[in-house]
Amino acid sequence: MARREEVAVRTLKRTDVGEELREVALFSEASRSELAQIRGLLMQMPIAAGTVLMHEGAVGSEFMILADGTAEVRQGGRLLATIGAGDVVGEMALLQSAGRGYRNATVTAVTPLTVYVGTPREFRQILAVAPSVAEKVRRTATTRGLQAA
């Protein structure tokens, strides 16, 4: 049985993300044309407070960019961080095992969230069309001790 968030990701229509992406640190150096391509790859999705976005140890099948609200990141039950608008989660699992590695933390919405969601394929497309984004992902992966693809 598919988890709730996976079903929701498959049923939502794509929306124009607009200029909000420019304010996300990951995309801050992307050109206007790169942002236009990225916009077409992401879906906007509302998330209720208390919803688990991803489970530690589960196979990663998407990444998310928080546009609004806050979430907690926990590993082994220990709080690692509270994240908010502009933060990206799930991308590290997509750098592992042919784009579907295991989640290294659980992320739970503390408040209602608005997120932008992308699949492993869309993640790879974003890295291909936006070199500045690919470089930032590589740096983050190195910091977290992973080898970026």
Protein backbone atom coordinates (compact mmCIF):
# COMPACT_ATOMS: atom_id res chain seq x y z
CA MET A 1 0.00 0.00 0.00
CA ALA A 2 1.43 3.39 -0.98
CA ARG A 3 2.09 5.86 1.80
CA ARG A 4 -0.19 8.88 1.99
CA GLU A 5 2.39 11.42 0.82
CA GLU A 6 3.35 9.32 -2.22
CA VAL A 7 -0.28 9.08 -3.32
CA ALA A 8 -0.76 12.82 -2.83
CA VAL A 9 2.33 13.61 -4.91
CA ARG A 10 1.02 11.53 -7.82
CA THR A 11 -2.44 13.12 -7.86
CA LEU A 12 -1.55 16.83 -7.75
CA LYS A 13 -1.34 18.98 -10.86
CA ARG A 14 1.71 21.10 -11.60
CA THR A 15 1.46 24.79 -10.80
CA ASP A 16 3.53 27.81 -11.66
CA VAL A 17 5.86 28.24 -8.72
CA GLY A 18 6.48 31.89 -9.56
CA GLU A 19 9.21 34.05 -8.10
CA GLU A 20 9.19 32.21 -4.76
CA LEU A 21 11.87 29.88 -6.13
CA ARG A 22 14.27 32.77 -6.60
CA GLU A 23 14.16 33.31 -2.83
CA VAL A 24 15.16 29.70 -2.11
CA ALA A 25 18.92 29.64 -1.43
CA LEU A 26 19.34 26.55 -3.60
CA PHE A 27 18.03 28.45 -6.64
CA SER A 28 19.35 31.95 -5.84
CA GLU A 29 22.05 31.83 -8.54
CA ALA A 30 19.91 30.18 -11.23
CA SER A 31 19.24 32.22 -14.35
CA ARG A 32 15.76 33.33 -15.36
CA SER A 33 15.61 30.61 -18.05
CA GLU A 34 16.82 27.95 -15.60
CA LEU A 35 14.13 29.01 -13.10
CA ALA A 36 11.50 28.77 -15.84
CA GLN A 37 12.56 25.17 -16.53
CA ILE A 38 12.69 24.33 -12.82
CA ARG A 39 9.20 25.79 -12.30
CA GLY A 40 7.82 23.36 -14.86
CA LEU A 41 9.27 20.39 -12.99
CA LEU A 42 7.84 21.01 -9.51
CA MET A 43 4.38 20.56 -7.98
CA GLN A 44 3.03 22.72 -5.17
CA MET A 45 1.42 20.80 -2.34
CA PRO A 46 -0.22 21.79 0.98
CA ILE A 47 0.71 19.65 4.00
CA ALA A 48 -1.19 19.53 7.32
CA ALA A 49 0.61 20.05 10.64
CA GLY A 50 1.65 16.71 12.15
CA THR A 51 2.15 15.00 8.77
CA VAL A 52 5.34 12.97 8.40
CA LEU A 53 6.92 14.05 5.10
CA MET A 54 9.55 11.31 5.08
CA HIS A 55 10.51 8.45 7.37
CA GLU A 56 14.07 7.64 8.43
CA GLY A 57 15.13 4.40 6.71
CA ALA A 58 12.46 4.54 3.98
CA VAL A 59 13.44 4.59 0.32
CA GLY A 60 13.50 8.14 -1.05
CA SER A 61 11.12 8.77 -3.93
CA GLU A 62 10.91 12.58 -3.91
CA PHE A 63 12.48 15.77 -2.64
CA MET A 64 10.67 18.76 -1.18
CA ILE A 65 11.32 22.46 -0.88
CA LEU A 66 9.53 24.18 1.99
CA ALA A 67 7.85 27.39 0.83
CA ASP A 68 5.98 28.18 4.03
CA GLY A 69 5.75 26.77 7.57
CA THR A 70 8.14 24.80 9.78
CA ALA A 71 9.12 21.16 10.14
CA GLU A 72 11.34 19.13 12.45
CA VAL A 73 14.15 16.86 11.28
CA ARG A 74 14.88 13.93 13.60
CA GLN A 75 17.37 11.09 13.40
CA GLY A 76 16.99 8.17 15.78
CA GLY A 77 14.35 10.23 17.59
CA ARG A 78 16.82 13.04 18.31
CA LEU A 79 15.96 16.53 17.04
CA LEU A 80 18.60 17.62 14.50
CA ALA A 81 17.01 20.80 13.19
CA THR A 82 13.88 22.87 12.80
CA ILE A 83 13.58 23.96 9.18
CA GLY A 84 11.44 26.45 7.32
CA ALA A 85 10.85 28.38 4.12
CA GLY A 86 13.60 27.80 1.57
CA ASP A 87 14.92 24.59 3.12
CA VAL A 88 15.19 21.46 0.99
CA VAL A 89 14.63 17.90 2.28
CA GLY A 90 14.91 14.50 0.67
CA GLU A 91 17.50 15.45 -1.93
CA MET A 92 20.34 13.48 -0.33
CA ALA A 93 18.51 10.14 -0.74
CA LEU A 94 18.16 10.93 -4.45
CA LEU A 95 21.96 11.12 -4.77
CA GLN A 96 22.33 7.50 -3.62
CA SER A 97 21.65 4.11 -5.20
CA ALA A 98 20.51 5.16 -8.67
CA GLY A 99 18.44 8.01 -7.26
CA ARG A 100 16.50 6.08 -4.65
CA GLY A 101 18.62 5.81 -1.52
CA TYR A 102 17.40 5.53 2.03
CA ARG A 103 16.19 8.47 4.09
CA ASN A 104 18.65 9.38 6.83
CA ALA A 105 16.09 11.30 8.93
CA THR A 106 12.39 11.70 9.64
CA VAL A 107 10.83 15.05 8.72
CA THR A 108 7.53 16.07 10.32
CA ALA A 109 5.44 19.20 9.71
CA VAL A 110 5.18 21.27 12.89
CA THR A 111 2.85 23.82 11.29
CA PRO A 112 0.82 23.65 8.08
CA LEU A 113 3.27 23.68 5.17
CA THR A 114 3.35 24.59 1.54
CA VAL A 115 6.00 22.53 -0.26
CA TYR A 116 7.24 22.08 -3.81
CA VAL A 117 7.73 18.42 -4.68
CA GLY A 118 9.84 16.73 -7.33
CA THR A 119 10.58 13.13 -8.32
CA PRO A 120 14.06 11.59 -8.76
CA ARG A 121 13.80 12.17 -12.52
CA GLU A 122 12.84 15.81 -12.02
CA PHE A 123 15.67 16.22 -9.50
CA ARG A 124 18.19 14.96 -12.09
CA GLN A 125 16.69 17.28 -14.71
CA ILE A 126 17.06 20.27 -12.37
CA LEU A 127 20.72 19.38 -11.75
CA ALA A 128 21.27 19.10 -15.51
CA VAL A 129 19.66 22.44 -16.46
CA ALA A 130 21.02 24.52 -13.56
CA PRO A 131 24.78 24.15 -12.92
CA SER A 132 24.65 26.47 -9.89
CA VAL A 133 22.04 24.22 -8.28
CA ALA A 134 24.12 21.11 -9.03
CA GLU A 135 27.15 22.73 -7.40
CA LYS A 136 25.21 23.66 -4.25
CA VAL A 137 23.82 20.11 -3.99
CA ARG A 138 27.37 18.71 -4.34
CA ARG A 139 28.64 21.01 -1.58
CA THR A 140 25.77 20.03 0.72
CA ALA A 141 26.34 16.35 0.01
CA THR A 142 30.04 16.73 0.82
CA THR A 143 29.21 18.52 4.05
CA ARG A 144 26.84 15.71 5.01
CA GLY A 145 29.40 13.06 4.07
CA LEU A 146 27.79 11.78 0.86
CA GLN A 147 29.23 11.46 -2.61
CA ALA A 148 27.15 13.53 -5.04
CA ALA A 149 26.37 12.04 -8.44
